[in-house]
Protein backbone atom coordinates (compact mmCIF):
# COMPACT_ATOMS: atom_id res chain seq x y z
CA UNK A 1 0.00 0.00 0.00
CA UNK A 2 1.28 3.47 -0.88
CA UNK A 3 1.71 6.26 1.66
CA UNK A 4 -0.41 9.39 1.29
CA UNK A 5 2.51 11.48 -0.06
CA UNK A 6 3.26 8.79 -2.64
CA UNK A 7 -0.38 8.68 -3.74
CA UNK A 8 -0.63 12.45 -3.91
CA UNK A 9 2.44 12.57 -6.15
CA UNK A 10 1.00 9.80 -8.36
CA UNK A 11 -2.23 11.82 -8.73
CA UNK A 12 -0.30 14.96 -9.63
CA UNK A 13 1.80 13.06 -12.18
CA UNK A 14 -1.37 11.47 -13.62
CA UNK A 15 -2.95 14.93 -13.93
CA UNK A 16 0.19 16.34 -15.54
CA UNK A 17 0.31 13.47 -18.06
CA UNK A 18 -3.27 14.28 -19.05
CA UNK A 19 -2.53 18.02 -19.21
CA UNK A 20 -5.02 18.79 -16.41
CA UNK A 21 -2.13 20.44 -14.62
CA UNK A 22 -1.27 23.16 -15.65
CA UNK A 23 -3.98 23.62 -18.31
CA UNK A 24 -7.12 23.36 -16.21
CA UNK A 25 -8.26 26.02 -13.77
CA UNK A 26 -9.23 25.85 -10.12
CA UNK A 27 -12.77 26.82 -11.14
CA UNK A 28 -12.97 23.95 -13.65
CA UNK A 29 -11.65 21.50 -11.07
CA UNK A 30 -14.18 22.84 -8.56
CA UNK A 31 -16.96 22.14 -11.06
CA UNK A 32 -15.60 18.58 -11.41
CA UNK A 33 -15.48 18.32 -7.62
CA UNK A 34 -19.17 19.28 -7.45
CA UNK A 35 -19.97 16.48 -9.93
CA UNK A 36 -18.01 13.97 -7.86
CA UNK A 37 -19.72 15.12 -4.64
CA UNK A 38 -23.11 14.66 -6.33
CA UNK A 39 -22.08 11.11 -7.30
CA UNK A 40 -20.94 10.49 -3.73
CA UNK A 41 -24.29 11.73 -2.44
CA UNK A 42 -26.12 9.34 -4.78
CA UNK A 43 -23.91 6.43 -3.69
CA UNK A 44 -24.66 7.24 -0.05
CA UNK A 45 -28.39 7.37 -0.78
CA UNK A 46 -28.11 3.95 -2.45
CA UNK A 47 -25.92 2.60 0.38
CA UNK A 48 -23.44 1.53 -2.33
CA UNK A 49 -20.12 1.32 -0.50
CA UNK A 50 -18.10 0.61 -3.64
CA UNK A 51 -19.37 3.85 -5.17
CA UNK A 52 -18.98 5.72 -1.86
CA UNK A 53 -15.28 4.81 -1.87
CA UNK A 54 -15.01 5.82 -5.54
CA UNK A 55 -16.79 9.14 -4.90
CA UNK A 56 -14.57 10.02 -1.96
CA UNK A 57 -11.44 9.09 -3.91
CA UNK A 58 -12.50 11.06 -7.00
CA UNK A 59 -13.30 14.08 -4.79
CA UNK A 60 -9.84 13.92 -3.23
CA UNK A 61 -8.29 13.79 -6.72
CA UNK A 62 -10.12 17.01 -7.59
CA UNK A 63 -8.96 18.65 -4.34
CA UNK A 64 -5.37 17.62 -5.05
CA UNK A 65 -5.68 19.15 -8.53
CA UNK A 66 -7.07 22.40 -7.11
CA UNK A 67 -4.18 22.52 -4.65
CA UNK A 68 -1.62 21.85 -7.38
CA UNK A 69 -3.09 24.59 -9.57
CA UNK A 70 -2.73 27.01 -6.63
CA UNK A 71 0.74 25.62 -5.76
CA UNK A 72 -0.62 24.34 -2.45
CA UNK A 73 -0.38 21.00 -0.72
CA UNK A 74 -3.54 19.20 0.45
CA UNK A 75 -1.85 18.08 3.67
CA UNK A 76 -0.89 21.67 4.48
CA UNK A 77 -4.49 22.75 3.88
CA UNK A 78 -5.76 19.98 6.15
CA UNK A 79 -3.28 20.97 8.85
CA UNK A 80 -4.36 24.61 8.61
CA UNK A 81 -8.00 23.55 8.96
CA UNK A 82 -7.17 21.36 11.94
CA UNK A 83 -5.44 24.26 13.70
CA UNK A 84 -8.58 26.34 13.18
CA UNK A 85 -10.94 23.68 14.56
CA UNK A 86 -8.87 21.92 17.25
CA UNK A 87 -10.10 24.14 20.10
CA UNK A 88 -13.51 24.90 18.62
CA UNK A 89 -16.50 24.53 20.91
CA UNK A 90 -20.08 23.93 19.93
CA UNK A 91 -22.87 21.37 19.89
CA UNK A 92 -24.38 18.65 17.72
CA UNK A 93 -27.77 19.61 16.28
CA UNK A 94 -30.71 17.31 15.55
CA UNK A 95 -29.45 16.56 12.02
CA UNK A 96 -26.08 15.37 13.35
CA UNK A 97 -24.24 18.52 12.29
CA UNK A 98 -21.71 20.18 14.60
CA UNK A 99 -22.59 23.85 15.11
CA UNK A 100 -19.72 25.98 16.36
CA UNK A 101 -20.17 28.53 19.12
CA UNK A 102 -20.29 32.14 17.98
């Protein structure tokens, strides 16, 4: 099994080989991400775990592409988000969504 950094590099190389990077745009990759999220939502509604895994993976590929087009690293973005949320306080609402304190 590959490590995350190895997989991220493979995705970037795959995208470069197909000219997605540098010829696409973050906006175009965001549109693709929305399509993948919609497919993930459908897979969840159908309780289709094979397609759930595919939808999550395809969404991560789009996020990696967006990062690469902005010369960012997905792990750095995740770490920045973690530092913002690590001390966050709030509550779980009736729909199972965490609502942060104001």
